[in-house]
C-alpha atoms as a PDB file:
ATOM      1  CA  UNK A   1     -12.043  16.185 -11.663  1.00  0.00           C
ATOM      2  CA  UNK A   2      -8.475  16.813 -10.459  1.00  0.00           C
ATOM      3  CA  UNK A   3      -7.283  15.488  -7.116  1.00  0.00           C
ATOM      4  CA  UNK A   4      -7.674  18.282  -4.540  1.00  0.00           C
ATOM      5  CA  UNK A   5      -4.313  17.551  -2.904  1.00  0.00           C
ATOM      6  CA  UNK A   6      -0.954  18.911  -4.128  1.00  0.00           C
ATOM      7  CA  UNK A   7       0.738  15.597  -3.352  1.00  0.00           C
ATOM      8  CA  UNK A   8      -0.461  12.217  -2.164  1.00  0.00           C
ATOM      9  CA  UNK A   9      -4.219  12.076  -1.599  1.00  0.00           C
ATOM     10  CA  UNK A  10      -4.737  10.494   1.858  1.00  0.00           C
ATOM     11  CA  UNK A  11      -8.243   9.357   0.911  1.00  0.00           C
ATOM     12  CA  UNK A  12      -6.726   6.936  -1.607  1.00  0.00           C
ATOM     13  CA  UNK A  13      -5.136   5.017   1.281  1.00  0.00           C
ATOM     14  CA  UNK A  14      -8.529   3.677   2.377  1.00  0.00           C
ATOM     15  CA  UNK A  15      -8.297  -0.133   2.778  1.00  0.00           C
ATOM     16  CA  UNK A  16     -11.218  -0.719   0.424  1.00  0.00           C
ATOM     17  CA  UNK A  17      -9.753   1.543  -2.258  1.00  0.00           C
ATOM     18  CA  UNK A  18      -6.011   0.973  -2.098  1.00  0.00           C
ATOM     19  CA  UNK A  19      -5.917  -2.299  -4.063  1.00  0.00           C
ATOM     20  CA  UNK A  20      -7.383  -0.539  -7.108  1.00  0.00           C
ATOM     21  CA  UNK A  21      -5.150   2.498  -6.624  1.00  0.00           C
ATOM     22  CA  UNK A  22      -2.099   0.231  -6.437  1.00  0.00           C
ATOM     23  CA  UNK A  23      -3.019  -1.736  -9.564  1.00  0.00           C
ATOM     24  CA  UNK A  24      -3.731   1.381 -11.599  1.00  0.00           C
ATOM     25  CA  UNK A  25      -0.503   3.079 -10.468  1.00  0.00           C
ATOM     26  CA  UNK A  26       1.554   0.057 -11.516  1.00  0.00           C
ATOM     27  CA  UNK A  27      -0.045  -0.224 -14.960  1.00  0.00           C
ATOM     28  CA  UNK A  28      -0.021   3.524 -15.655  1.00  0.00           C
ATOM     29  CA  UNK A  29       3.628   3.813 -14.638  1.00  0.00           C
ATOM     30  CA  UNK A  30       4.503   0.925 -16.957  1.00  0.00           C
ATOM     31  CA  UNK A  31       2.617   2.570 -19.826  1.00  0.00           C
ATOM     32  CA  UNK A  32       4.458   5.864 -19.274  1.00  0.00           C
ATOM     33  CA  UNK A  33       7.933   4.355 -18.938  1.00  0.00           C
ATOM     34  CA  UNK A  34       7.628   1.827 -21.761  1.00  0.00           C
ATOM     35  CA  UNK A  35       7.873   4.222 -24.733  1.00  0.00           C
ATOM     36  CA  UNK A  36      10.770   6.099 -23.093  1.00  0.00           C
ATOM     37  CA  UNK A  37      12.857   2.962 -22.570  1.00  0.00           C
ATOM     38  CA  UNK A  38      12.313   1.048 -25.784  1.00  0.00           C
ATOM     39  CA  UNK A  39      13.895  -0.483 -27.795  1.00  0.00           C
ATOM     40  CA  UNK A  40      16.657  -1.393 -25.324  1.00  0.00           C
ATOM     41  CA  UNK A  41      14.359  -2.152 -22.393  1.00  0.00           C
ATOM     42  CA  UNK A  42      10.918  -3.563 -21.751  1.00  0.00           C
ATOM     43  CA  UNK A  43       8.780  -2.742 -18.697  1.00  0.00           C
ATOM     44  CA  UNK A  44       7.107  -5.920 -17.426  1.00  0.00           C
ATOM     45  CA  UNK A  45       4.252  -6.087 -14.919  1.00  0.00           C
ATOM     46  CA  UNK A  46       4.996  -8.991 -12.571  1.00  0.00           C
ATOM     47  CA  UNK A  47       3.036 -10.529  -9.695  1.00  0.00           C
ATOM     48  CA  UNK A  48       3.949 -12.406  -6.556  1.00  0.00           C
ATOM     49  CA  UNK A  49       1.392 -14.466  -4.681  1.00  0.00           C
ATOM     50  CA  UNK A  50       1.219 -15.759  -1.141  1.00  0.00           C
ATOM     51  CA  UNK A  51      -1.331 -17.234   1.226  1.00  0.00           C
ATOM     52  CA  UNK A  52      -2.180 -15.296   4.365  1.00  0.00           C
ATOM     53  CA  UNK A  53      -5.012 -14.748   6.793  1.00  0.00           C
ATOM     54  CA  UNK A  54      -7.967 -13.375   4.857  1.00  0.00           C
ATOM     55  CA  UNK A  55      -9.381  -9.940   5.579  1.00  0.00           C
ATOM     56  CA  UNK A  56     -12.148  -9.432   3.021  1.00  0.00           C
ATOM     57  CA  UNK A  57     -14.793 -11.103   5.178  1.00  0.00           C
ATOM     58  CA  UNK A  58     -14.052  -8.764   8.073  1.00  0.00           C
ATOM     59  CA  UNK A  59     -14.125  -5.429   6.265  1.00  0.00           C
ATOM     60  CA  UNK A  60     -17.087  -3.332   7.291  1.00  0.00           C
ATOM     61  CA  UNK A  61     -18.419  -5.858   9.799  1.00  0.00           C
ATOM     62  CA  UNK A  62     -19.015  -4.934  13.438  1.00  0.00           C
ATOM     63  CA  UNK A  63     -17.172  -6.731  16.200  1.00  0.00           C
ATOM     64  CA  UNK A  64     -18.611 -10.093  17.045  1.00  0.00           C
ATOM     65  CA  UNK A  65     -21.046  -9.709  19.947  1.00  0.00           C
ATOM     66  CA  UNK A  66     -21.774 -12.687  22.116  1.00  0.00           C
ATOM     67  CA  UNK A  67     -24.850 -12.490  24.311  1.00  0.00           C
ATOM     68  CA  UNK A  68     -25.267 -14.862  27.221  1.00  0.00           C
ATOM     69  CA  UNK A  69     -28.589 -16.505  27.791  1.00  0.00           C
ATOM     70  CA  UNK A  70     -30.012 -17.054  31.239  1.00  0.00           C
ATOM     71  CA  UNK A  71     -30.179 -20.635  32.287  1.00  0.00           C
ATOM     72  CA  UNK A  72     -33.720 -21.924  32.480  1.00  0.00           C
ATOM     73  CA  UNK A  73     -34.787 -22.456  36.042  1.00  0.00           C
ATOM     74  CA  UNK A  74     -35.807 -25.960  36.795  1.00  0.00           C
ATOM     75  CA  UNK A  75     -38.751 -26.405  39.119  1.00  0.00           C
ATOM     76  CA  UNK A  76     -38.302 -29.397  41.304  1.00  0.00           C
ATOM     77  CA  UNK A  77     -39.520 -30.374  44.693  1.00  0.00           C
ATOM     78  CA  UNK A  78     -36.304 -32.229  45.356  1.00  0.00           C
ATOM     79  CA  UNK A  79     -32.878 -30.754  46.040  1.00  0.00           C
ATOM     80  CA  UNK A  80     -31.434 -32.408  42.920  1.00  0.00           C
ATOM     81  CA  UNK A  81     -30.263 -29.884  40.254  1.00  0.00           C
ATOM     82  CA  UNK A  82     -30.900 -30.581  36.575  1.00  0.00           C
ATOM     83  CA  UNK A  83     -27.912 -29.627  34.359  1.00  0.00           C
ATOM     84  CA  UNK A  84     -28.707 -27.622  31.239  1.00  0.00           C
ATOM     85  CA  UNK A  85     -26.630 -28.647  28.190  1.00  0.00           C
ATOM     86  CA  UNK A  86     -24.223 -25.927  27.009  1.00  0.00           C
ATOM     87  CA  UNK A  87     -25.404 -24.416  23.735  1.00  0.00           C
ATOM     88  CA  UNK A  88     -22.970 -23.710  20.910  1.00  0.00           C
ATOM     89  CA  UNK A  89     -22.560 -20.208  19.537  1.00  0.00           C
ATOM     90  CA  UNK A  90     -21.606 -19.305  15.992  1.00  0.00           C
ATOM     91  CA  UNK A  91     -18.127 -17.829  15.555  1.00  0.00           C
ATOM     92  CA  UNK A  92     -15.856 -17.053  12.622  1.00  0.00           C
ATOM     93  CA  UNK A  93     -12.386 -18.481  12.104  1.00  0.00           C
ATOM     94  CA  UNK A  94      -9.555 -16.945  10.072  1.00  0.00           C
ATOM     95  CA  UNK A  95      -9.596 -18.236   6.500  1.00  0.00           C
ATOM     96  CA  UNK A  96      -6.648 -18.521   4.146  1.00  0.00           C
ATOM     97  CA  UNK A  97      -6.746 -16.122   1.234  1.00  0.00           C
ATOM     98  CA  UNK A  98      -4.472 -15.736  -1.774  1.00  0.00           C
ATOM     99  CA  UNK A  99      -2.942 -12.281  -2.123  1.00  0.00           C
ATOM    100  CA  UNK A 100      -1.400 -10.949  -5.315  1.00  0.00           C
ATOM    101  CA  UNK A 101       0.933  -7.972  -5.440  1.00  0.00           C
ATOM    102  CA  UNK A 102       2.020  -6.359  -8.685  1.00  0.00           C
ATOM    103  CA  UNK A 103       5.408  -4.766  -9.274  1.00  0.00           C
ATOM    104  CA  UNK A 104       7.491  -3.682 -12.255  1.00  0.00           C
ATOM    105  CA  UNK A 105      10.661  -5.121 -13.733  1.00  0.00           C
ATOM    106  CA  UNK A 106      12.718  -3.248 -16.299  1.00  0.00           C
ATOM    107  CA  UNK A 107      14.377  -5.884 -18.454  1.00  0.00           C
ATOM    108  CA  UNK A 108      17.147  -5.486 -20.972  1.00  0.00           C
ATOM    109  CA  UNK A 109      15.981  -7.023 -24.250  1.00  0.00           C
ATOM    110  CA  UNK A 110      19.387  -8.340 -25.363  1.00  0.00           C
ATOM    111  CA  UNK A 111      20.212 -10.184 -22.142  1.00  0.00           C
ATOM    112  CA  UNK A 112      16.807 -10.608 -20.409  1.00  0.00           C
ATOM    113  CA  UNK A 113      18.516  -9.244 -17.284  1.00  0.00           C
ATOM    114  CA  UNK A 114      16.327  -7.446 -14.749  1.00  0.00           C
ATOM    115  CA  UNK A 115      18.004  -4.044 -14.550  1.00  0.00           C
ATOM    116  CA  UNK A 116      15.556  -2.341 -12.176  1.00  0.00           C
ATOM    117  CA  UNK A 117      12.736  -3.469  -9.890  1.00  0.00           C
ATOM    118  CA  UNK A 118      10.020  -0.955  -8.969  1.00  0.00           C
ATOM    119  CA  UNK A 119       7.877  -1.687  -5.921  1.00  0.00           C
ATOM    120  CA  UNK A 120       4.866   0.229  -4.607  1.00  0.00           C
ATOM    121  CA  UNK A 121       4.240  -0.984  -1.073  1.00  0.00           C
ATOM    122  CA  UNK A 122       0.928  -2.482   0.019  1.00  0.00           C
ATOM    123  CA  UNK A 123      -0.528  -2.461   3.559  1.00  0.00           C
ATOM    124  CA  UNK A 124       0.442  -6.096   4.139  1.00  0.00           C
ATOM    125  CA  UNK A 125       4.075  -5.258   3.331  1.00  0.00           C
ATOM    126  CA  UNK A 126       4.055  -2.848   6.283  1.00  0.00           C
ATOM    127  CA  UNK A 127       2.379  -5.116   8.856  1.00  0.00           C
ATOM    128  CA  UNK A 128       3.782  -8.142  10.660  1.00  0.00           C
ATOM    129  CA  UNK A 129       2.881 -11.355   8.888  1.00  0.00           C
ATOM    130  CA  UNK A 130       3.404 -13.324   5.705  1.00  0.00           C
ATOM    131  CA  UNK A 131       3.032 -10.271   3.455  1.00  0.00           C
ATOM    132  CA  UNK A 132       5.887  -8.410   5.109  1.00  0.00           C
ATOM    133  CA  UNK A 133       8.087 -11.494   5.439  1.00  0.00           C
ATOM    134  CA  UNK A 134       7.609 -12.340   1.761  1.00  0.00           C
ATOM    135  CA  UNK A 135       8.419  -8.801   0.668  1.00  0.00           C
ATOM    136  CA  UNK A 136      11.431  -8.449   2.977  1.00  0.00           C
ATOM    137  CA  UNK A 137      12.904 -11.647   1.514  1.00  0.00           C
ATOM    138  CA  UNK A 138      12.441 -10.312  -2.022  1.00  0.00           C
ATOM    139  CA  UNK A 139      13.896  -6.944  -0.978  1.00  0.00           C
ATOM    140  CA  UNK A 140      17.044  -8.526   0.446  1.00  0.00           C
ATOM    141  CA  UNK A 141      17.483 -10.618  -2.707  1.00  0.00           C
ATOM    142  CA  UNK A 142      17.348  -7.503  -4.873  1.00  0.00           C
ATOM    143  CA  UNK A 143      19.655  -5.523  -2.578  1.00  0.00           C
ATOM    144  CA  UNK A 144      22.178  -8.355  -2.800  1.00  0.00           C
ATOM    145  CA  UNK A 145      22.057  -8.467  -6.594  1.00  0.00           C
ATOM    146  CA  UNK A 146      23.016  -6.258  -9.544  1.00  0.00           C
ATOM    147  CA  UNK A 147      19.408  -5.091  -9.909  1.00  0.00           C
ATOM    148  CA  UNK A 148      18.538  -1.521  -8.935  1.00  0.00           C
ATOM    149  CA  UNK A 149      15.599  -1.061  -6.560  1.00  0.00           C
ATOM    150  CA  UNK A 150      12.982   1.692  -6.472  1.00  0.00           C
ATOM    151  CA  UNK A 151      10.669   1.371  -3.465  1.00  0.00           C
ATOM    152  CA  UNK A 152       7.660   3.693  -3.213  1.00  0.00           C
ATOM    153  CA  UNK A 153       5.734   4.036   0.056  1.00  0.00           C
ATOM    154  CA  UNK A 154       2.513   6.042  -0.264  1.00  0.00           C
ATOM    155  CA  UNK A 155       0.944   4.669   2.915  1.00  0.00           C
ATOM    156  CA  UNK A 156       1.010   6.418   6.285  1.00  0.00           C
ATOM    157  CA  UNK A 157      -0.013   3.320   8.212  1.00  0.00           C
ATOM    158  CA  UNK A 158       2.209   0.425   9.219  1.00  0.00           C
ATOM    159  CA  UNK A 159       5.920   0.055   9.858  1.00  0.00           C
ATOM    160  CA  UNK A 160       8.301   1.555   7.256  1.00  0.00           C
ATOM    161  CA  UNK A 161      10.849  -0.662   5.540  1.00  0.00           C
ATOM    162  CA  UNK A 162      14.194  -0.924   7.274  1.00  0.00           C
ATOM    163  CA  UNK A 163      17.078   1.459   6.653  1.00  0.00           C
ATOM    164  CA  UNK A 164      20.193   1.638   8.830  1.00  0.00           C
ATOM    165  CA  UNK A 165      19.785   5.293   9.761  1.00  0.00           C
ATOM    166  CA  UNK A 166      17.042   6.740  11.946  1.00  0.00           C
ATOM    167  CA  UNK A 167      14.255   8.139   9.794  1.00  0.00           C
ATOM    168  CA  UNK A 168      13.477  11.835   9.996  1.00  0.00           C
ATOM    169  CA  UNK A 169      10.000  13.307   9.520  1.00  0.00           C
ATOM    170  CA  UNK A 170       7.945  12.304   6.516  1.00  0.00           C
ATOM    171  CA  UNK A 171       4.749  10.300   6.151  1.00  0.00           C
ATOM    172  CA  UNK A 172       5.692   8.952   2.733  1.00  0.00           C
ATOM    173  CA  UNK A 173       8.945   7.940   1.072  1.00  0.00           C
ATOM    174  CA  UNK A 174      10.704   6.899  -2.123  1.00  0.00           C
ATOM    175  CA  UNK A 175      13.888   4.828  -1.885  1.00  0.00           C
ATOM    176  CA  UNK A 176      16.225   4.640  -4.893  1.00  0.00           C
ATOM    177  CA  UNK A 177      18.943   2.022  -4.411  1.00  0.00           C
ATOM    178  CA  UNK A 178      21.494   1.788  -7.223  1.00  0.00           C
ATOM    179  CA  UNK A 179      23.387  -1.489  -7.246  1.00  0.00           C
ATOM    180  CA  UNK A 180      26.758   0.220  -7.842  1.00  0.00           C
ATOM    181  CA  UNK A 181      26.318   2.550  -4.849  1.00  0.00           C
ATOM    182  CA  UNK A 182      25.166   0.111  -2.170  1.00  0.00           C
ATOM    183  CA  UNK A 183      24.821   0.175   0.750  1.00  0.00           C
ATOM    184  CA  UNK A 184      24.203   3.893   0.094  1.00  0.00           C
ATOM    185  CA  UNK A 185      20.810   4.790  -1.351  1.00  0.00           C
ATOM    186  CA  UNK A 186      18.752   7.924  -1.972  1.00  0.00           C
ATOM    187  CA  UNK A 187      15.742   8.401   0.293  1.00  0.00           C
ATOM    188  CA  UNK A 188      13.076  11.003  -0.483  1.00  0.00           C
ATOM    189  CA  UNK A 189      10.852  11.807   2.512  1.00  0.00           C
ATOM    190  CA  UNK A 190       7.719  13.907   2.082  1.00  0.00           C
ATOM    191  CA  UNK A 191       4.497  14.695   3.871  1.00  0.00           C
ATOM    192  CA  UNK A 192       0.832  15.142   3.112  1.00  0.00           C
ATOM    193  CA  UNK A 193       1.314  18.807   2.114  1.00  0.00           C
ATOM    194  CA  UNK A 194       4.224  18.138  -0.254  1.00  0.00           C
ATOM    195  CA  UNK A 195       4.309  17.334  -3.919  1.00  0.00           C
ATOM    196  CA  UNK A 196       5.525  13.797  -4.576  1.00  0.00           C
ATOM    197  CA  UNK A 197       9.188  14.284  -5.546  1.00  0.00           C
ATOM    198  CA  UNK A 198      10.380  13.322  -9.020  1.00  0.00           C
ATOM    199  CA  UNK A 199      13.421  11.053  -9.213  1.00  0.00           C
ATOM    200  CA  UNK A 200      15.839   9.628 -11.760  1.00  0.00           C
ATOM    201  CA  UNK A 201      15.156   6.025 -12.778  1.00  0.00           C
ATOM    202  CA  UNK A 202      18.360   3.954 -12.441  1.00  0.00           C
ATOM    203  CA  UNK A 203      19.363   1.995 -15.541  1.00  0.00           C
ATOM    204  CA  UNK A 204      22.626   0.629 -16.941  1.00  0.00           C
ATOM    205  CA  UNK A 205      25.551   2.983 -16.338  1.00  0.00           C
ATOM    206  CA  UNK A 206      25.883   3.950 -19.998  1.00  0.00           C
ATOM    207  CA  UNK A 207      22.241   5.010 -20.350  1.00  0.00           C
ATOM    208  CA  UNK A 208      20.640   8.339 -19.561  1.00  0.00           C
ATOM    209  CA  UNK A 209      18.302   8.068 -16.591  1.00  0.00           C
ATOM    210  CA  UNK A 210      14.798   9.401 -17.303  1.00  0.00           C
ATOM    211  CA  UNK A 211      12.853  11.399 -14.731  1.00  0.00           C
ATOM    212  CA  UNK A 212       9.907   9.682 -13.065  1.00  0.00           C
ATOM    213  CA  UNK A 213       7.137  12.081 -12.025  1.00  0.00           C
ATOM    214  CA  UNK A 214       4.926  10.024  -9.730  1.00  0.00           C
ATOM    215  CA  UNK A 215       2.774  13.051  -8.996  1.00  0.00           C
ATOM    216  CA  UNK A 216       1.714  13.164 -12.626  1.00  0.00           C
ATOM    217  CA  UNK A 217       1.187   9.385 -12.671  1.00  0.00           C
ATOM    218  CA  UNK A 218      -1.090   9.614  -9.628  1.00  0.00           C
ATOM    219  CA  UNK A 219      -3.026  12.562 -11.066  1.00  0.00           C
ATOM    220  CA  UNK A 220      -3.750  10.618 -14.253  1.00  0.00           C
ATOM    221  CA  UNK A 221      -4.907   7.585 -12.268  1.00  0.00           C
ATOM    222  CA  UNK A 222      -7.212   9.709 -10.105  1.00  0.00           C
ATOM    223  CA  UNK A 223      -8.923  11.289 -13.104  1.00  0.00           C
ATOM    224  CA  UNK A 224      -9.184   8.183 -15.285  1.00  0.00           C
ATOM    225  CA  UNK A 225     -10.510   6.013 -12.459  1.00  0.00           C
ATOM    226  CA  UNK A 226     -13.115   8.598 -11.438  1.00  0.00           C
ATOM    227  CA  UNK A 227     -12.068   8.432  -7.802  1.00  0.00           C
ATOM    228  CA  UNK A 228     -13.713  11.815  -7.234  1.00  0.00           C
ATOM    229  CA  UNK A 229     -17.051  10.040  -7.730  1.00  0.00           C
ATOM    230  CA  UNK A 230     -16.447   7.546  -4.920  1.00  0.00           C
ATOM    231  CA  UNK A 231     -14.457   9.518  -2.334  1.00  0.00           C
ATOM    232  CA  UNK A 232     -16.515  11.337   0.303  1.00  0.00           C
ATOM    233  CA  UNK A 233     -14.422  14.333   1.320  1.00  0.00           C
ATOM    234  CA  UNK A 234     -16.958  15.215   3.982  1.00  0.00           C
ATOM    235  CA  UNK A 235     -15.614  12.305   6.030  1.00  0.00           C
ATOM    236  CA  UNK A 236     -12.188  11.925   7.620  1.00  0.00           C
ATOM    237  CA  UNK A 237      -9.663   9.834   5.670  1.00  0.00           C
ATOM    238  CA  UNK A 238      -8.657   6.362   6.833  1.00  0.00           C
ATOM    239  CA  UNK A 239      -6.081   6.259   8.381  1.00  0.00           C
ATOM    240  CA  UNK A 240      -6.972   9.561  10.014  1.00  0.00           C
ATOM    241  CA  UNK A 241      -4.829  12.692   9.759  1.00  0.00           C
ATOM    242  CA  UNK A 242      -3.592  14.155  13.032  1.00  0.00           C
ATOM    243  CA  UNK A 243      -2.730  17.552  14.508  1.00  0.00           C
ATOM    244  CA  UNK A 244      -1.871  20.489  12.271  1.00  0.00           C
ATOM    245  CA  UNK A 245      -2.147  18.347   9.156  1.00  0.00           C
ATOM    246  CA  UNK A 246      -5.790  17.637  10.030  1.00  0.00           C
ATOM    247  CA  UNK A 247      -6.484  21.373  10.242  1.00  0.00           C
ATOM    248  CA  UNK A 248      -4.672  21.893   6.936  1.00  0.00           C
ATOM    249  CA  UNK A 249      -6.693  19.151   5.204  1.00  0.00           C
ATOM    250  CA  UNK A 250      -9.964  20.635   6.461  1.00  0.00           C
ATOM    251  CA  UNK A 251      -9.046  24.123   5.198  1.00  0.00           C
ATOM    252  CA  UNK A 252      -7.857  22.757   1.841  1.00  0.00           C
ATOM    253  CA  UNK A 253     -11.091  20.876   1.202  1.00  0.00           C
ATOM    254  CA  UNK A 254     -13.296  23.749   2.350  1.00  0.00           C
ATOM    255  CA  UNK A 255     -11.481  26.160   0.035  1.00  0.00           C
ATOM    256  CA  UNK A 256     -12.369  23.870  -2.878  1.00  0.00           C
ATOM    257  CA  UNK A 257     -15.995  23.464  -1.830  1.00  0.00           C
ATOM    258  CA  UNK A 258     -15.591  19.797  -0.944  1.00  0.00           C
ATOM    259  CA  UNK A 259     -16.726  20.276   2.659  1.00  0.00           C
END
């Protein structure tokens, strides 16, 4: 079944689904770009790892409820009070968890140079903590090098990555930073009703830049993964959609018989 949305599907942003969406997008994009770029370039799937506060144990669990017990009354003929020992309660502590984030590197075969880095942001990249700090360090390293950067943000939640100008409207974004044009970069902003914009993939100056159609990449992932079998369109997406966009989503899904 095709995705019912003309652009990004907000239901794919669900915290329990996004990790799979992210992994499949990375691999599918590599498979599509590889044949177009060979034999001069190779598209490598790379991973970075870091340790952060774990979240898997908390997903889907209700808030911890602590009930107080009444102290047992002590019957005594004397005025002396008997102290009741304090009882321990069971609590949960944050646990360290290893996180892995995949990204793409386009490498020139002759020199092994990384010509372009392609990042698809994860929720932890957009929240305060180790995940964001780790990514921001990598981002600055790339922006200070000869490597081009393509940064794709398909998540409405969290804090967007820094640019020097004030951002205009747009829930999602694609940043294309060519090393020979910095600090200038191309920023594509789009919303939930828009098709994901296609963009030119930066390579070496003497090479023709192929078009990248992320909308097509996402559509293939949606169908191959069978996400239509696991997404409940009768429920609101997480994060929720607000205002006029919420009305638009409801009408779109009803028109297709999904609500």
